[in-house]
Amino acid sequence: MTSTKKMKLILNQILVSKKLIHCILIAVIPALIFYSLSIIRLKSVGFEIMEILRDPAQQSGESSFRGFLSNIGIWLWVCSAAISFFFVLVSDTIINKNSKGLLLLTGILSLLLAVDDFFMIHDRYVSQKICYLVYAIFIGFLFIRHFKMIIEIEGFAFLLAGILLASSIVTDIIQSKIPLDYQYVQVIEEGFKFIGAATWLYFIGRVASSTLVPTKGS
């Protein structure tokens, strides 16, 4: 086969109309709309173009590692949400359909926590008590709704993640009463949250892996 024919074959494989349309509709257009509306909206409330587009570290001249652990913590929430939603969408791989409901709830909760952490919702926009109450009710419902499955798959990780995240919340609420410098209280509070987020990601990974259909010969 000549190089020209090979190139033509490759292009034919790449430029499949069905795949092109699917990619543009699912990825390109939504991304373009979100990108454009974000610029228009933020500019309308007073932000400059470069303030919208550039990373805070670039704008301030500060180190890229400023807020490092906080940013990694957000990654943990995002990864948890991504794994959960991926397995919900790829439902053909799920043996027990109840797992789909559990993963949908863990995905929603993980996404809420990621958005809260990223935009500092409970610090700036909504009362901490309201946010914490919503999270407590959500995770309580999740636990009651899927109690048997959670216990069977990874009860310890779920319990540990809950304890660590609850400890972070309690530390935040009573921090003014703790006889330590503020920075040390923050180390404790953020440590509970970071390790809790990592444990939560582990729990979701275990739930997701338990739903996979075994391959032949395994």
C-alpha atoms as a PDB file:
ATOM      1  CA  MET A   1       0.000   0.000   0.000  1.00  0.00           C
ATOM      2  CA  THR A   2       1.379   3.389  -0.993  1.00  0.00           C
ATOM      3  CA  SER A   3       1.863   6.210   1.494  1.00  0.00           C
ATOM      4  CA  THR A   4      -0.932   8.167  -0.214  1.00  0.00           C
ATOM      5  CA  LYS A   5      -3.392   5.313   0.222  1.00  0.00           C
ATOM      6  CA  LYS A   6      -2.336   4.874   3.847  1.00  0.00           C
ATOM      7  CA  MET A   7      -2.893   8.547   4.517  1.00  0.00           C
ATOM      8  CA  LYS A   8      -6.295   8.411   2.827  1.00  0.00           C
ATOM      9  CA  LEU A   9      -7.255   5.368   4.910  1.00  0.00           C
ATOM     10  CA  ILE A  10      -6.187   7.122   8.122  1.00  0.00           C
ATOM     11  CA  LEU A  11      -8.153  10.254   7.219  1.00  0.00           C
ATOM     12  CA  ASN A  12     -11.220   8.156   6.417  1.00  0.00           C
ATOM     13  CA  GLN A  13     -10.944   6.537   9.851  1.00  0.00           C
ATOM     14  CA  ILE A  14     -10.556   9.920  11.573  1.00  0.00           C
ATOM     15  CA  LEU A  15     -13.145  11.880   9.607  1.00  0.00           C
ATOM     16  CA  VAL A  16     -16.116   9.634  10.276  1.00  0.00           C
ATOM     17  CA  SER A  17     -19.213  11.854  10.087  1.00  0.00           C
ATOM     18  CA  LYS A  18     -20.988  10.194  13.000  1.00  0.00           C
ATOM     19  CA  LYS A  19     -17.939  10.568  15.270  1.00  0.00           C
ATOM     20  CA  LEU A  20     -17.367  14.159  14.152  1.00  0.00           C
ATOM     21  CA  ILE A  21     -20.946  15.185  14.919  1.00  0.00           C
ATOM     22  CA  HIS A  22     -20.920  13.363  18.253  1.00  0.00           C
ATOM     23  CA  CYS A  23     -17.658  15.025  19.333  1.00  0.00           C
ATOM     24  CA  ILE A  24     -18.800  18.507  18.296  1.00  0.00           C
ATOM     25  CA  LEU A  25     -22.214  18.188  19.974  1.00  0.00           C
ATOM     26  CA  ILE A  26     -20.994  16.612  23.214  1.00  0.00           C
ATOM     27  CA  ALA A  27     -17.643  18.371  23.727  1.00  0.00           C
ATOM     28  CA  VAL A  28     -16.927  21.309  21.439  1.00  0.00           C
ATOM     29  CA  ILE A  29     -20.230  23.207  21.501  1.00  0.00           C
ATOM     30  CA  PRO A  30     -20.873  22.917  25.276  1.00  0.00           C
ATOM     31  CA  ALA A  31     -17.275  23.983  25.983  1.00  0.00           C
ATOM     32  CA  LEU A  32     -17.545  26.934  23.599  1.00  0.00           C
ATOM     33  CA  ILE A  33     -20.841  28.050  25.140  1.00  0.00           C
ATOM     34  CA  PHE A  34     -19.482  27.774  28.685  1.00  0.00           C
ATOM     35  CA  TYR A  35     -16.261  29.584  27.732  1.00  0.00           C
ATOM     36  CA  SER A  36     -18.082  32.430  25.966  1.00  0.00           C
ATOM     37  CA  LEU A  37     -20.783  32.919  28.594  1.00  0.00           C
ATOM     38  CA  SER A  38     -18.184  32.893  31.387  1.00  0.00           C
ATOM     39  CA  ILE A  39     -16.221  35.700  29.736  1.00  0.00           C
ATOM     40  CA  ILE A  40     -19.350  37.731  28.972  1.00  0.00           C
ATOM     41  CA  ARG A  41     -20.816  37.330  32.457  1.00  0.00           C
ATOM     42  CA  LEU A  42     -17.628  37.954  34.434  1.00  0.00           C
ATOM     43  CA  LYS A  43     -16.703  40.935  32.276  1.00  0.00           C
ATOM     44  CA  SER A  44     -20.157  42.403  32.861  1.00  0.00           C
ATOM     45  CA  VAL A  45     -19.573  42.437  36.628  1.00  0.00           C
ATOM     46  CA  GLY A  46     -16.233  44.207  36.368  1.00  0.00           C
ATOM     47  CA  PHE A  47     -13.513  41.628  35.721  1.00  0.00           C
ATOM     48  CA  GLU A  48     -10.880  42.342  33.078  1.00  0.00           C
ATOM     49  CA  ILE A  49     -10.273  39.787  30.331  1.00  0.00           C
ATOM     50  CA  MET A  50      -6.856  38.801  31.682  1.00  0.00           C
ATOM     51  CA  GLU A  51      -8.279  38.439  35.184  1.00  0.00           C
ATOM     52  CA  ILE A  52     -10.760  35.926  33.812  1.00  0.00           C
ATOM     53  CA  LEU A  53      -8.339  33.983  31.627  1.00  0.00           C
ATOM     54  CA  ARG A  54      -5.074  33.864  33.537  1.00  0.00           C
ATOM     55  CA  ASP A  55      -4.236  31.760  36.568  1.00  0.00           C
ATOM     56  CA  PRO A  56      -4.167  33.679  39.902  1.00  0.00           C
ATOM     57  CA  ALA A  57      -0.468  32.854  40.324  1.00  0.00           C
ATOM     58  CA  GLN A  58       0.298  34.464  36.950  1.00  0.00           C
ATOM     59  CA  GLN A  59      -1.646  37.583  37.852  1.00  0.00           C
ATOM     60  CA  SER A  60      -0.179  38.015  41.316  1.00  0.00           C
ATOM     61  CA  GLY A  61       3.357  36.877  40.539  1.00  0.00           C
ATOM     62  CA  GLU A  62       3.153  34.490  43.494  1.00  0.00           C
ATOM     63  CA  SER A  63       4.501  30.953  43.526  1.00  0.00           C
ATOM     64  CA  SER A  64       2.450  28.328  41.696  1.00  0.00           C
ATOM     65  CA  PHE A  65       2.617  26.258  44.893  1.00  0.00           C
ATOM     66  CA  ARG A  66       0.639  28.825  46.890  1.00  0.00           C
ATOM     67  CA  GLY A  67      -2.415  26.971  48.213  1.00  0.00           C
ATOM     68  CA  PHE A  68      -0.894  23.685  47.010  1.00  0.00           C
ATOM     69  CA  LEU A  69      -2.611  21.341  49.473  1.00  0.00           C
ATOM     70  CA  SER A  70      -5.944  23.090  49.075  1.00  0.00           C
ATOM     71  CA  ASN A  71      -5.761  22.643  45.300  1.00  0.00           C
ATOM     72  CA  ILE A  72      -4.797  18.983  45.583  1.00  0.00           C
ATOM     73  CA  GLY A  73      -7.734  18.496  47.943  1.00  0.00           C
ATOM     74  CA  ILE A  74     -10.059  19.857  45.256  1.00  0.00           C
ATOM     75  CA  TRP A  75      -8.512  17.395  42.790  1.00  0.00           C
ATOM     76  CA  LEU A  76      -9.440  14.570  45.160  1.00  0.00           C
ATOM     77  CA  TRP A  77     -13.091  15.658  45.159  1.00  0.00           C
ATOM     78  CA  VAL A  78     -13.107  16.072  41.383  1.00  0.00           C
ATOM     79  CA  CYS A  79     -11.536  12.629  40.877  1.00  0.00           C
ATOM     80  CA  SER A  80     -14.168  11.106  43.156  1.00  0.00           C
ATOM     81  CA  ALA A  81     -16.953  12.756  41.170  1.00  0.00           C
ATOM     82  CA  ALA A  82     -15.407  11.779  37.838  1.00  0.00           C
ATOM     83  CA  ILE A  83     -15.085   8.099  38.786  1.00  0.00           C
ATOM     84  CA  SER A  84     -18.634   7.985  40.135  1.00  0.00           C
ATOM     85  CA  PHE A  85     -20.246   9.618  37.107  1.00  0.00           C
ATOM     86  CA  PHE A  86     -18.149   7.599  34.662  1.00  0.00           C
ATOM     87  CA  PHE A  87     -19.374   4.320  36.101  1.00  0.00           C
ATOM     88  CA  VAL A  88     -22.951   5.601  36.194  1.00  0.00           C
ATOM     89  CA  LEU A  89     -22.769   6.512  32.503  1.00  0.00           C
ATOM     90  CA  VAL A  90     -21.075   3.266  31.495  1.00  0.00           C
ATOM     91  CA  SER A  91     -23.908   1.325  33.066  1.00  0.00           C
ATOM     92  CA  ASP A  92     -23.382  -1.774  30.920  1.00  0.00           C
ATOM     93  CA  THR A  93     -20.364  -2.660  33.065  1.00  0.00           C
ATOM     94  CA  ILE A  94     -22.392  -2.681  36.287  1.00  0.00           C
ATOM     95  CA  ILE A  95     -23.529  -6.036  37.628  1.00  0.00           C
ATOM     96  CA  ASN A  96     -25.606  -4.820  40.552  1.00  0.00           C
ATOM     97  CA  LYS A  97     -27.869  -1.985  39.404  1.00  0.00           C
ATOM     98  CA  ASN A  98     -28.097  -0.723  43.008  1.00  0.00           C
ATOM     99  CA  SER A  99     -24.451   0.282  42.615  1.00  0.00           C
ATOM    100  CA  LYS A 100     -25.552   2.815  40.018  1.00  0.00           C
ATOM    101  CA  GLY A 101     -27.692   4.600  42.593  1.00  0.00           C
ATOM    102  CA  LEU A 102     -24.875   4.606  45.140  1.00  0.00           C
ATOM    103  CA  LEU A 103     -22.350   5.944  42.636  1.00  0.00           C
ATOM    104  CA  LEU A 104     -24.774   8.628  41.464  1.00  0.00           C
ATOM    105  CA  LEU A 105     -25.162   9.902  45.040  1.00  0.00           C
ATOM    106  CA  THR A 106     -21.424   9.771  45.772  1.00  0.00           C
ATOM    107  CA  GLY A 107     -20.786  11.628  42.508  1.00  0.00           C
ATOM    108  CA  ILE A 108     -23.247  14.394  43.364  1.00  0.00           C
ATOM    109  CA  LEU A 109     -21.845  14.786  46.884  1.00  0.00           C
ATOM    110  CA  SER A 110     -18.246  14.812  45.619  1.00  0.00           C
ATOM    111  CA  LEU A 111     -19.096  17.447  43.022  1.00  0.00           C
ATOM    112  CA  LEU A 112     -20.821  19.627  45.627  1.00  0.00           C
ATOM    113  CA  LEU A 113     -17.771  19.413  47.890  1.00  0.00           C
ATOM    114  CA  ALA A 114     -15.442  20.237  44.988  1.00  0.00           C
ATOM    115  CA  VAL A 115     -17.474  23.304  44.026  1.00  0.00           C
ATOM    116  CA  ASP A 116     -17.700  24.377  47.674  1.00  0.00           C
ATOM    117  CA  ASP A 117     -13.943  24.089  48.143  1.00  0.00           C
ATOM    118  CA  PHE A 118     -13.072  25.733  44.832  1.00  0.00           C
ATOM    119  CA  PHE A 119     -15.330  28.765  45.220  1.00  0.00           C
ATOM    120  CA  MET A 120     -15.206  28.792  49.060  1.00  0.00           C
ATOM    121  CA  ILE A 121     -19.012  28.697  49.146  1.00  0.00           C
ATOM    122  CA  HIS A 122     -19.324  27.999  52.886  1.00  0.00           C
ATOM    123  CA  ASP A 123     -16.816  30.735  53.703  1.00  0.00           C
ATOM    124  CA  ARG A 124     -18.200  33.551  51.550  1.00  0.00           C
ATOM    125  CA  TYR A 125     -21.669  32.951  50.159  1.00  0.00           C
ATOM    126  CA  VAL A 126     -23.729  30.508  52.230  1.00  0.00           C
ATOM    127  CA  SER A 127     -23.801  30.044  55.999  1.00  0.00           C
ATOM    128  CA  GLN A 128     -21.417  27.319  57.154  1.00  0.00           C
ATOM    129  CA  LYS A 129     -24.122  25.770  59.312  1.00  0.00           C
ATOM    130  CA  ILE A 130     -26.468  25.450  56.341  1.00  0.00           C
ATOM    131  CA  CYS A 131     -23.758  23.866  54.160  1.00  0.00           C
ATOM    132  CA  TYR A 132     -22.695  21.453  56.900  1.00  0.00           C
ATOM    133  CA  LEU A 133     -26.316  20.505  57.600  1.00  0.00           C
ATOM    134  CA  VAL A 134     -26.936  19.784  53.914  1.00  0.00           C
ATOM    135  CA  TYR A 135     -23.825  17.594  53.738  1.00  0.00           C
ATOM    136  CA  ALA A 136     -24.782  15.737  56.913  1.00  0.00           C
ATOM    137  CA  ILE A 137     -28.312  15.043  55.653  1.00  0.00           C
ATOM    138  CA  PHE A 138     -26.999  13.994  52.236  1.00  0.00           C
ATOM    139  CA  ILE A 139     -24.423  11.558  53.560  1.00  0.00           C
ATOM    140  CA  GLY A 140     -26.897  10.238  56.143  1.00  0.00           C
ATOM    141  CA  PHE A 141     -29.446   9.531  53.406  1.00  0.00           C
ATOM    142  CA  LEU A 142     -26.725   7.918  51.278  1.00  0.00           C
ATOM    143  CA  PHE A 143     -25.692   5.671  54.169  1.00  0.00           C
ATOM    144  CA  ILE A 144     -29.245   4.620  55.055  1.00  0.00           C
ATOM    145  CA  ARG A 145     -30.261   4.123  51.412  1.00  0.00           C
ATOM    146  CA  HIS A 146     -27.276   1.918  50.584  1.00  0.00           C
ATOM    147  CA  PHE A 147     -26.314   0.628  54.045  1.00  0.00           C
ATOM    148  CA  LYS A 148     -25.980  -3.040  53.101  1.00  0.00           C
ATOM    149  CA  MET A 149     -23.889  -2.376  49.998  1.00  0.00           C
ATOM    150  CA  ILE A 150     -21.573   0.054  51.779  1.00  0.00           C
ATOM    151  CA  ILE A 151     -20.937  -2.410  54.601  1.00  0.00           C
ATOM    152  CA  GLU A 152     -20.300  -5.286  52.188  1.00  0.00           C
ATOM    153  CA  ILE A 153     -17.968  -3.370  49.868  1.00  0.00           C
ATOM    154  CA  GLU A 154     -15.948  -1.041  52.104  1.00  0.00           C
ATOM    155  CA  GLY A 155     -17.660  -0.123  55.352  1.00  0.00           C
ATOM    156  CA  PHE A 156     -14.439   0.849  57.127  1.00  0.00           C
ATOM    157  CA  ALA A 157     -13.334   3.358  54.475  1.00  0.00           C
ATOM    158  CA  PHE A 158     -16.795   4.961  54.416  1.00  0.00           C
ATOM    159  CA  LEU A 159     -16.851   5.242  58.205  1.00  0.00           C
ATOM    160  CA  LEU A 160     -13.293   6.569  58.396  1.00  0.00           C
ATOM    161  CA  ALA A 161     -13.910   9.165  55.671  1.00  0.00           C
ATOM    162  CA  GLY A 162     -17.043  10.293  57.501  1.00  0.00           C
ATOM    163  CA  ILE A 163     -15.238  10.593  60.838  1.00  0.00           C
ATOM    164  CA  LEU A 164     -12.339  12.543  59.330  1.00  0.00           C
ATOM    165  CA  LEU A 165     -14.585  14.964  57.440  1.00  0.00           C
ATOM    166  CA  ALA A 166     -16.827  15.411  60.484  1.00  0.00           C
ATOM    167  CA  SER A 167     -13.714  16.099  62.580  1.00  0.00           C
ATOM    168  CA  SER A 168     -12.695  18.789  60.100  1.00  0.00           C
ATOM    169  CA  ILE A 169     -16.123  20.424  60.397  1.00  0.00           C
ATOM    170  CA  VAL A 170     -16.130  20.257  64.199  1.00  0.00           C
ATOM    171  CA  THR A 171     -12.626  21.731  64.323  1.00  0.00           C
ATOM    172  CA  ASP A 172     -13.765  24.551  62.050  1.00  0.00           C
ATOM    173  CA  ILE A 173     -16.792  25.303  64.222  1.00  0.00           C
ATOM    174  CA  ILE A 174     -14.944  25.326  67.570  1.00  0.00           C
ATOM    175  CA  GLN A 175     -11.589  26.672  66.360  1.00  0.00           C
ATOM    176  CA  SER A 176     -11.901  29.857  68.456  1.00  0.00           C
ATOM    177  CA  LYS A 177     -12.118  27.695  71.598  1.00  0.00           C
ATOM    178  CA  ILE A 178      -9.054  25.564  70.834  1.00  0.00           C
ATOM    179  CA  PRO A 179      -6.038  26.786  72.852  1.00  0.00           C
ATOM    180  CA  LEU A 180      -3.645  26.788  69.903  1.00  0.00           C
ATOM    181  CA  ASP A 181      -2.392  29.367  67.422  1.00  0.00           C
ATOM    182  CA  TYR A 182      -4.704  29.761  64.433  1.00  0.00           C
ATOM    183  CA  GLN A 183      -2.183  28.291  61.994  1.00  0.00           C
ATOM    184  CA  TYR A 184      -1.898  25.082  64.001  1.00  0.00           C
ATOM    185  CA  VAL A 185      -5.670  24.764  64.224  1.00  0.00           C
ATOM    186  CA  GLN A 186      -5.754  25.147  60.436  1.00  0.00           C
ATOM    187  CA  VAL A 187      -3.152  22.404  60.048  1.00  0.00           C
ATOM    188  CA  ILE A 188      -5.388  20.081  62.062  1.00  0.00           C
ATOM    189  CA  GLU A 189      -8.625  21.096  60.330  1.00  0.00           C
ATOM    190  CA  GLU A 190      -7.240  20.906  56.807  1.00  0.00           C
ATOM    191  CA  GLY A 191      -5.410  17.683  57.639  1.00  0.00           C
ATOM    192  CA  PHE A 192      -8.667  16.016  58.655  1.00  0.00           C
ATOM    193  CA  LYS A 193     -10.328  17.241  55.438  1.00  0.00           C
ATOM    194  CA  PHE A 194      -7.454  16.261  53.141  1.00  0.00           C
ATOM    195  CA  ILE A 195      -7.078  12.730  54.530  1.00  0.00           C
ATOM    196  CA  GLY A 196     -10.860  12.388  54.608  1.00  0.00           C
ATOM    197  CA  ALA A 197     -11.068  13.357  50.932  1.00  0.00           C
ATOM    198  CA  ALA A 198      -8.365  10.824  50.051  1.00  0.00           C
ATOM    199  CA  THR A 199     -10.204   8.117  52.004  1.00  0.00           C
ATOM    200  CA  TRP A 200     -13.446   9.072  50.267  1.00  0.00           C
ATOM    201  CA  LEU A 201     -11.730   8.685  46.894  1.00  0.00           C
ATOM    202  CA  TYR A 202     -10.493   5.244  47.981  1.00  0.00           C
ATOM    203  CA  PHE A 203     -14.031   4.277  49.015  1.00  0.00           C
ATOM    204  CA  ILE A 204     -15.477   5.334  45.662  1.00  0.00           C
ATOM    205  CA  GLY A 205     -12.714   3.474  43.832  1.00  0.00           C
ATOM    206  CA  ARG A 206     -13.622   0.329  45.757  1.00  0.00           C
ATOM    207  CA  VAL A 207     -17.325   0.736  44.984  1.00  0.00           C
ATOM    208  CA  ALA A 208     -16.596   1.346  41.303  1.00  0.00           C
ATOM    209  CA  SER A 209     -14.258  -1.644  41.005  1.00  0.00           C
ATOM    210  CA  SER A 210     -16.833  -3.895  42.680  1.00  0.00           C
ATOM    211  CA  THR A 211     -19.305  -3.149  39.873  1.00  0.00           C
ATOM    212  CA  LEU A 212     -17.127  -4.346  37.019  1.00  0.00           C
ATOM    213  CA  VAL A 213     -18.205  -7.398  35.077  1.00  0.00           C
ATOM    214  CA  PRO A 214     -15.463 -10.041  35.433  1.00  0.00           C
ATOM    215  CA  THR A 215     -13.621 -10.833  32.214  1.00  0.00           C
ATOM    216  CA  LYS A 216     -13.623 -14.368  30.860  1.00  0.00           C
ATOM    217  CA  GLY A 217     -11.043 -16.537  32.521  1.00  0.00           C
ATOM    218  CA  SER A 218     -10.736 -14.285  35.600  1.00  0.00           C
END
